[in-house]
């Protein structure tokens, strides 16, 4: 590998060894859901400010945390830089990510699939439609699990035993119903790079589907000390552990996990995870017949209203409805439902 290629052998339009090296590091950390991603990308930008790809990757990290203004600003810079100095592949790469960041989902999906057909080893673009929060999952398509699986199958020949691709293709298999095969493929990817939160998460999904609740609990206990609390999936992975505790009727442990990493005063998760993990766990506790202190609902609801004051993502709206129902805020619930119905009508 030269300083002018990424880890997948695609050329990079920078002459700076430092920028290329930092960009490769930042991409790997991003694909692994690991801490240090933003810092590595900022080093790449500092080493070569005219290199477009670290700008758009940094924009994507901002988008993960619902920092929309910053994400769009970085995307605009990336478009400007790549127009002045970028290959055809890099221009297409920037455009696909920018469309996703701007929330233009149909255009982003079309751009992504066209790009992947031309450059199947561009993992950053390929990552856009994959995963639980990917373009396919948020597109409204009823068969998004099958679409993810079929996309991975289509490009599998280009990746071989790549740790990131095994993680995502195995997860797609699991979600599409092939749990045994999916778990095996995901575990292969996890074994190749243990510092990979997306792999840990995907394995947990397979374990939940096949009933390996105790094995999942042990995996989290063994692995989570290696993952910083600031990691993008740290809280969500512990949320999975809390669900396992509920399966065993251990509400006290589930609430302890909530207090440790999911409660608004403790969490370092992105806003979407803050509301979805918090609402879903508290609701499950109540649905399973366990007592949930009203103060927990009120605190979580207050935070959620600040983070998502208006109807936005349907996935967020569903969880916001749980908050309004649990706190018996009929006015807020009616307003949220009306906004959802209006958006559905507009669509």
Protein backbone atom coordinates (compact mmCIF):
# COMPACT_ATOMS: atom_id res chain seq x y z
CA UNK A 1 0.00 0.00 0.00
CA UNK A 2 1.30 3.44 -0.92
CA UNK A 3 0.45 6.73 0.73
CA UNK A 4 -1.87 7.36 -2.20
CA UNK A 5 -4.29 4.46 -1.60
CA UNK A 6 -6.84 3.59 1.02
CA UNK A 7 -6.90 0.18 2.70
CA UNK A 8 -9.03 -1.18 -0.11
CA UNK A 9 -6.58 -0.19 -2.83
CA UNK A 10 -8.50 2.87 -4.05
CA UNK A 11 -6.44 5.89 -5.01
CA UNK A 12 -6.40 8.98 -2.80
CA UNK A 13 -5.84 12.45 -4.27
CA UNK A 14 -3.29 13.58 -1.74
CA UNK A 15 0.48 13.71 -1.91
CA UNK A 16 0.74 13.86 1.86
CA UNK A 17 1.78 10.63 3.56
CA UNK A 18 0.47 12.02 6.86
CA UNK A 19 -2.94 12.85 5.41
CA UNK A 20 -3.35 9.48 3.71
CA UNK A 21 -2.23 7.58 6.81
CA UNK A 22 -4.52 9.52 9.14
CA UNK A 23 -7.43 9.13 6.73
CA UNK A 24 -6.96 5.36 6.54
CA UNK A 25 -6.85 5.22 10.32
CA UNK A 26 -9.95 7.40 10.66
CA UNK A 27 -11.92 5.29 8.20
CA UNK A 28 -11.02 2.05 9.98
CA UNK A 29 -12.01 3.54 13.33
CA UNK A 30 -15.29 4.81 11.85
CA UNK A 31 -16.09 1.44 10.29
CA UNK A 32 -15.38 -0.17 13.66
CA UNK A 33 -17.47 2.33 15.66
CA UNK A 34 -14.35 3.07 17.71
CA UNK A 35 -13.19 6.13 19.57
CA UNK A 36 -10.55 8.36 17.99
CA UNK A 37 -12.32 8.57 14.64
CA UNK A 38 -12.86 12.34 14.65
CA UNK A 39 -9.33 13.02 15.89
CA UNK A 40 -7.76 10.93 13.13
CA UNK A 41 -9.83 12.63 10.45
CA UNK A 42 -8.96 16.06 11.85
CA UNK A 43 -5.27 15.12 11.58
CA UNK A 44 -5.82 14.20 7.93
CA UNK A 45 -7.53 17.53 7.29
CA UNK A 46 -4.73 19.44 9.00
CA UNK A 47 -2.08 17.62 6.98
CA UNK A 48 -3.81 18.38 3.65
CA UNK A 49 -6.77 20.79 3.88
CA UNK A 50 -7.52 20.38 0.15
CA UNK A 51 -7.99 16.59 0.43
CA UNK A 52 -11.76 16.17 0.21
CA UNK A 53 -12.34 12.71 1.64
CA UNK A 54 -11.48 13.43 5.29
CA UNK A 55 -13.87 16.39 5.18
CA UNK A 56 -16.81 14.24 4.06
CA UNK A 57 -15.91 11.47 6.50
CA UNK A 58 -15.79 14.04 9.29
CA UNK A 59 -19.20 15.27 8.13
CA UNK A 60 -20.53 11.75 8.48
CA UNK A 61 -19.30 11.53 12.07
CA UNK A 62 -21.08 14.81 12.83
CA UNK A 63 -24.22 13.31 11.28
CA UNK A 64 -23.95 10.27 13.57
CA UNK A 65 -24.40 12.67 16.48
CA UNK A 66 -27.24 14.62 14.82
CA UNK A 67 -24.96 17.66 14.48
CA UNK A 68 -26.73 18.63 11.29
CA UNK A 69 -25.34 22.12 10.73
CA UNK A 70 -21.73 21.00 11.21
CA UNK A 71 -22.29 17.96 9.02
CA UNK A 72 -23.73 20.02 6.17
CA UNK A 73 -20.94 22.59 6.46
CA UNK A 74 -18.29 19.88 6.21
CA UNK A 75 -20.14 18.28 3.30
CA UNK A 76 -20.16 21.61 1.47
CA UNK A 77 -16.42 21.96 2.01
CA UNK A 78 -15.87 18.43 0.72
CA UNK A 79 -17.88 19.17 -2.43
CA UNK A 80 -15.83 22.30 -3.02
CA UNK A 81 -12.49 20.55 -2.45
CA UNK A 82 -13.29 17.50 -4.56
CA UNK A 83 -14.41 19.68 -7.48
CA UNK A 84 -11.00 21.34 -7.49
CA UNK A 85 -8.89 18.27 -6.83
CA UNK A 86 -10.50 14.90 -6.90
CA UNK A 87 -10.87 11.81 -9.05
CA UNK A 88 -14.16 10.67 -10.56
CA UNK A 89 -14.43 8.09 -7.79
CA UNK A 90 -13.84 10.68 -5.09
CA UNK A 91 -16.43 13.06 -6.57
CA UNK A 92 -19.01 10.28 -6.63
CA UNK A 93 -17.98 9.23 -3.10
CA UNK A 94 -18.44 12.75 -1.73
CA UNK A 95 -21.79 13.19 -3.48
CA UNK A 96 -23.25 9.94 -2.13
CA UNK A 97 -22.28 10.79 1.44
CA UNK A 98 -23.37 14.41 1.11
CA UNK A 99 -26.83 13.39 -0.11
CA UNK A 100 -27.18 11.04 2.85
CA UNK A 101 -26.06 13.75 5.26
CA UNK A 102 -28.63 16.15 3.77
CA UNK A 103 -31.40 13.60 4.35
CA UNK A 104 -32.16 13.23 0.65
CA UNK A 105 -32.75 9.50 1.00
CA UNK A 106 -34.04 8.45 -2.46
CA UNK A 107 -31.24 10.38 -4.17
CA UNK A 108 -28.68 9.08 -1.68
CA UNK A 109 -29.73 5.47 -2.24
CA UNK A 110 -29.63 5.85 -6.01
CA UNK A 111 -26.22 7.56 -5.87
CA UNK A 112 -24.86 4.94 -3.49
CA UNK A 113 -25.95 1.95 -5.57
CA UNK A 114 -24.58 3.51 -8.76
CA UNK A 115 -21.28 4.19 -6.97
CA UNK A 116 -21.04 0.68 -5.54
CA UNK A 117 -21.60 -0.80 -8.99
CA UNK A 118 -18.62 1.18 -10.27
CA UNK A 119 -16.39 0.92 -7.18
CA UNK A 120 -17.57 -2.04 -5.09
CA UNK A 121 -14.57 -1.83 -2.75
CA UNK A 122 -15.43 1.68 -1.57
CA UNK A 123 -16.42 0.50 1.91
CA UNK A 124 -17.35 3.94 3.24
CA UNK A 125 -20.03 4.38 0.57
CA UNK A 126 -21.10 0.74 0.84
CA UNK A 127 -21.63 1.27 4.56
CA UNK A 128 -24.36 3.87 3.91
CA UNK A 129 -27.25 1.47 3.22
CA UNK A 130 -26.13 -1.15 5.75
CA UNK A 131 -26.76 -1.49 9.48
CA UNK A 132 -29.73 -0.75 11.70
CA UNK A 133 -29.56 3.01 11.07
CA UNK A 134 -28.57 2.79 7.39
CA UNK A 135 -30.25 4.22 4.32
CA UNK A 136 -32.15 1.00 3.60
CA UNK A 137 -33.45 0.67 7.17
CA UNK A 138 -34.66 4.30 7.23
CA UNK A 139 -35.99 4.26 3.67
CA UNK A 140 -39.42 2.88 4.54
CA UNK A 141 -38.92 -0.14 2.27
CA UNK A 142 -40.60 -3.18 3.87
CA UNK A 143 -37.92 -5.57 2.62
CA UNK A 144 -34.88 -3.61 3.76
CA UNK A 145 -33.34 -6.62 5.53
CA UNK A 146 -33.42 -8.63 2.33
CA UNK A 147 -32.07 -5.65 0.37
CA UNK A 148 -29.08 -5.38 2.72
CA UNK A 149 -28.37 -9.08 2.42
CA UNK A 150 -28.65 -9.08 -1.38
CA UNK A 151 -26.37 -6.06 -1.69
CA UNK A 152 -23.71 -7.75 0.43
CA UNK A 153 -24.01 -10.96 -1.58
CA UNK A 154 -23.56 -8.98 -4.79
CA UNK A 155 -20.22 -7.48 -3.73
CA UNK A 156 -18.87 -10.27 -1.49
CA UNK A 157 -16.38 -11.44 -4.13
CA UNK A 158 -14.60 -8.09 -3.84
CA UNK A 159 -13.94 -8.31 -0.09
CA UNK A 160 -12.93 -11.82 0.88
CA UNK A 161 -12.03 -12.09 4.56
CA UNK A 162 -12.17 -8.38 5.28
CA UNK A 163 -13.08 -7.77 8.94
CA UNK A 164 -15.51 -4.93 8.22
CA UNK A 165 -17.31 -6.65 5.36
CA UNK A 166 -17.67 -9.93 7.26
CA UNK A 167 -19.22 -7.99 10.13
CA UNK A 168 -21.80 -6.24 7.96
CA UNK A 169 -22.61 -9.12 5.63
CA UNK A 170 -22.99 -11.51 8.56
CA UNK A 171 -25.31 -9.07 10.31
CA UNK A 172 -27.36 -8.73 7.12
CA UNK A 173 -27.71 -12.52 6.98
CA UNK A 174 -28.86 -12.61 10.59
CA UNK A 175 -31.44 -9.87 10.12
CA UNK A 176 -32.69 -11.54 6.95
CA UNK A 177 -33.42 -14.74 8.86
CA UNK A 178 -30.27 -16.84 8.26
CA UNK A 179 -29.21 -16.60 11.90
CA UNK A 180 -26.79 -19.54 12.19
CA UNK A 181 -24.84 -18.59 9.07
CA UNK A 182 -24.97 -14.90 9.95
CA UNK A 183 -23.59 -15.46 13.42
CA UNK A 184 -20.71 -17.55 12.07
CA UNK A 185 -19.74 -14.97 9.44
CA UNK A 186 -19.98 -12.08 11.93
CA UNK A 187 -17.86 -13.94 14.47
CA UNK A 188 -15.18 -14.45 11.80
CA UNK A 189 -15.06 -10.70 11.28
CA UNK A 190 -15.02 -10.07 15.03
CA UNK A 191 -12.11 -12.47 15.48
CA UNK A 192 -10.11 -10.58 12.84
CA UNK A 193 -10.54 -7.26 14.69
CA UNK A 194 -11.75 -7.37 18.25
CA UNK A 195 -11.65 -3.58 18.52
CA UNK A 196 -14.81 -3.43 16.44
CA UNK A 197 -17.99 -2.34 18.20
CA UNK A 198 -20.15 -3.01 15.16
CA UNK A 199 -19.01 -6.64 15.18
CA UNK A 200 -19.73 -7.02 18.89
CA UNK A 201 -23.16 -5.51 18.28
CA UNK A 202 -23.90 -7.76 15.30
CA UNK A 203 -22.88 -10.87 17.22
CA UNK A 204 -25.21 -9.83 20.05
CA UNK A 205 -28.09 -9.56 17.60
CA UNK A 206 -27.43 -13.11 16.40
CA UNK A 207 -27.16 -14.35 19.99
CA UNK A 208 -30.49 -12.75 20.84
CA UNK A 209 -32.12 -14.38 17.82
CA UNK A 210 -30.79 -17.86 18.64
CA UNK A 211 -31.50 -17.58 22.36
CA UNK A 212 -27.89 -17.42 23.60
CA UNK A 213 -28.75 -14.92 26.33
CA UNK A 214 -26.16 -16.11 28.87
CA UNK A 215 -23.40 -16.27 26.23
CA UNK A 216 -24.26 -12.71 25.18
CA UNK A 217 -23.99 -11.53 28.77
CA UNK A 218 -20.56 -13.15 29.13
CA UNK A 219 -19.39 -11.65 25.83
CA UNK A 220 -20.31 -8.15 26.96
CA UNK A 221 -18.67 -8.60 30.37
CA UNK A 222 -15.45 -9.82 28.75
CA UNK A 223 -15.33 -7.35 25.88
CA UNK A 224 -16.79 -4.06 27.16
CA UNK A 225 -13.76 -3.08 29.33
CA UNK A 226 -11.79 -2.64 26.09
CA UNK A 227 -14.34 -0.16 24.73
CA UNK A 228 -14.32 3.42 25.98
CA UNK A 229 -17.55 4.76 27.44
CA UNK A 230 -17.42 7.49 24.80
CA UNK A 231 -17.67 4.88 22.05
CA UNK A 232 -20.68 5.42 19.81
CA UNK A 233 -22.18 2.00 20.65
CA UNK A 234 -21.04 1.63 24.28
CA UNK A 235 -24.42 2.45 25.78
CA UNK A 236 -26.36 0.47 23.19
CA UNK A 237 -24.28 -2.65 23.77
CA UNK A 238 -24.99 -2.37 27.49
CA UNK A 239 -28.66 -1.89 26.56
CA UNK A 240 -28.50 -5.35 25.00
CA UNK A 241 -27.16 -6.61 28.31
CA UNK A 242 -30.06 -4.98 30.13
CA UNK A 243 -32.49 -6.80 27.83
CA UNK A 244 -30.76 -10.04 28.76
CA UNK A 245 -31.23 -9.23 32.42
CA UNK A 246 -34.93 -8.68 31.79
CA UNK A 247 -35.16 -12.08 30.12
CA UNK A 248 -34.04 -13.51 33.48
CA UNK A 249 -36.44 -11.30 35.41
CA UNK A 250 -33.61 -9.25 36.90
CA UNK A 251 -35.14 -5.78 36.84
CA UNK A 252 -32.67 -4.46 39.40
CA UNK A 253 -29.74 -5.21 37.09
CA UNK A 254 -31.50 -3.69 34.11
CA UNK A 255 -32.15 -0.50 36.08
CA UNK A 256 -28.53 -0.47 37.28
CA UNK A 257 -27.34 -0.61 33.66
CA UNK A 258 -29.76 2.17 32.80
CA UNK A 259 -28.36 4.34 35.60
CA UNK A 260 -24.76 3.54 34.64
CA UNK A 261 -24.76 4.25 30.91
CA UNK A 262 -28.23 5.01 29.50
CA UNK A 263 -29.70 7.64 31.79
CA UNK A 264 -29.43 11.14 30.27
CA UNK A 265 -27.12 12.32 33.04
CA UNK A 266 -24.73 9.41 32.37
CA UNK A 267 -24.87 8.65 28.67
CA UNK A 268 -22.35 9.71 26.03
CA UNK A 269 -24.37 8.19 23.18
CA UNK A 270 -25.63 9.98 20.06
CA UNK A 271 -29.03 11.66 20.52
CA UNK A 272 -30.98 9.02 18.59
CA UNK A 273 -29.60 6.26 20.80
CA UNK A 274 -30.26 8.33 23.91
CA UNK A 275 -33.99 8.45 23.27
CA UNK A 276 -34.49 5.04 21.65
CA UNK A 277 -32.46 3.01 24.14
CA UNK A 278 -33.87 4.89 27.12
CA UNK A 279 -37.51 4.76 26.06
CA UNK A 280 -37.43 1.14 24.92
CA UNK A 281 -35.77 -0.15 28.09
CA UNK A 282 -38.03 1.77 30.48
CA UNK A 283 -41.08 0.69 28.48
CA UNK A 284 -40.00 -2.95 28.53
CA UNK A 285 -39.50 -2.79 32.29
CA UNK A 286 -43.04 -1.51 32.69
CA UNK A 287 -44.47 -3.99 30.18
CA UNK A 288 -42.81 -6.87 32.05
CA UNK A 289 -44.58 -5.75 35.21
CA UNK A 290 -41.63 -4.08 36.96
CA UNK A 291 -41.87 -0.75 38.72
CA UNK A 292 -40.17 2.20 37.00
CA UNK A 293 -39.76 5.33 39.11
CA UNK A 294 -41.73 8.19 37.58
CA UNK A 295 -38.69 10.44 37.96
CA UNK A 296 -36.81 8.32 35.41
CA UNK A 297 -39.54 8.78 32.82
CA UNK A 298 -39.81 12.51 33.49
CA UNK A 299 -36.04 13.06 33.24
CA UNK A 300 -35.75 11.01 30.07
CA UNK A 301 -38.76 12.70 28.51
CA UNK A 302 -37.40 16.18 29.26
CA UNK A 303 -34.14 15.25 27.56
CA UNK A 304 -35.92 13.72 24.59
CA UNK A 305 -38.07 16.81 24.06
CA UNK A 306 -34.91 18.93 23.90
CA UNK A 307 -33.14 16.57 21.49
CA UNK A 308 -36.13 15.97 19.19
CA UNK A 309 -38.55 18.86 19.68
CA UNK A 310 -40.23 18.29 16.31
CA UNK A 311 -41.34 15.25 14.35
CA UNK A 312 -38.39 13.97 12.33
CA UNK A 313 -37.22 10.40 11.86
CA UNK A 314 -40.08 7.90 12.18
CA UNK A 315 -37.85 5.72 14.38
CA UNK A 316 -37.39 8.66 16.74
CA UNK A 317 -41.08 9.55 16.62
CA UNK A 318 -42.16 6.08 17.73
CA UNK A 319 -39.99 6.35 20.83
CA UNK A 320 -41.09 9.91 21.50
CA UNK A 321 -44.65 8.57 21.52
CA UNK A 322 -43.60 6.09 24.22
CA UNK A 323 -42.38 8.98 26.36
CA UNK A 324 -45.59 10.96 25.95
CA UNK A 325 -47.70 7.88 26.69
CA UNK A 326 -45.68 6.95 29.77
CA UNK A 327 -45.85 10.49 31.17
CA UNK A 328 -49.52 10.78 30.14
CA UNK A 329 -48.80 13.98 28.24
CA UNK A 330 -51.83 13.79 25.98
CA UNK A 331 -51.20 17.18 24.41
CA UNK A 332 -47.66 16.28 23.36
CA UNK A 333 -48.78 12.88 22.10
CA UNK A 334 -51.57 14.41 20.00
CA UNK A 335 -49.17 16.98 18.52
CA UNK A 336 -46.60 14.32 17.68
CA UNK A 337 -49.18 12.04 16.04
CA UNK A 338 -50.63 14.94 14.06
CA UNK A 339 -47.16 15.82 12.74
CA UNK A 340 -46.56 12.21 11.75
CA UNK A 341 -49.90 12.02 9.93
CA UNK A 342 -49.17 15.27 8.12
CA UNK A 343 -45.77 14.00 6.99
CA UNK A 344 -47.32 10.74 5.79
CA UNK A 345 -49.88 12.75 3.87
CA UNK A 346 -47.20 14.94 2.33
CA UNK A 347 -45.22 11.84 1.34
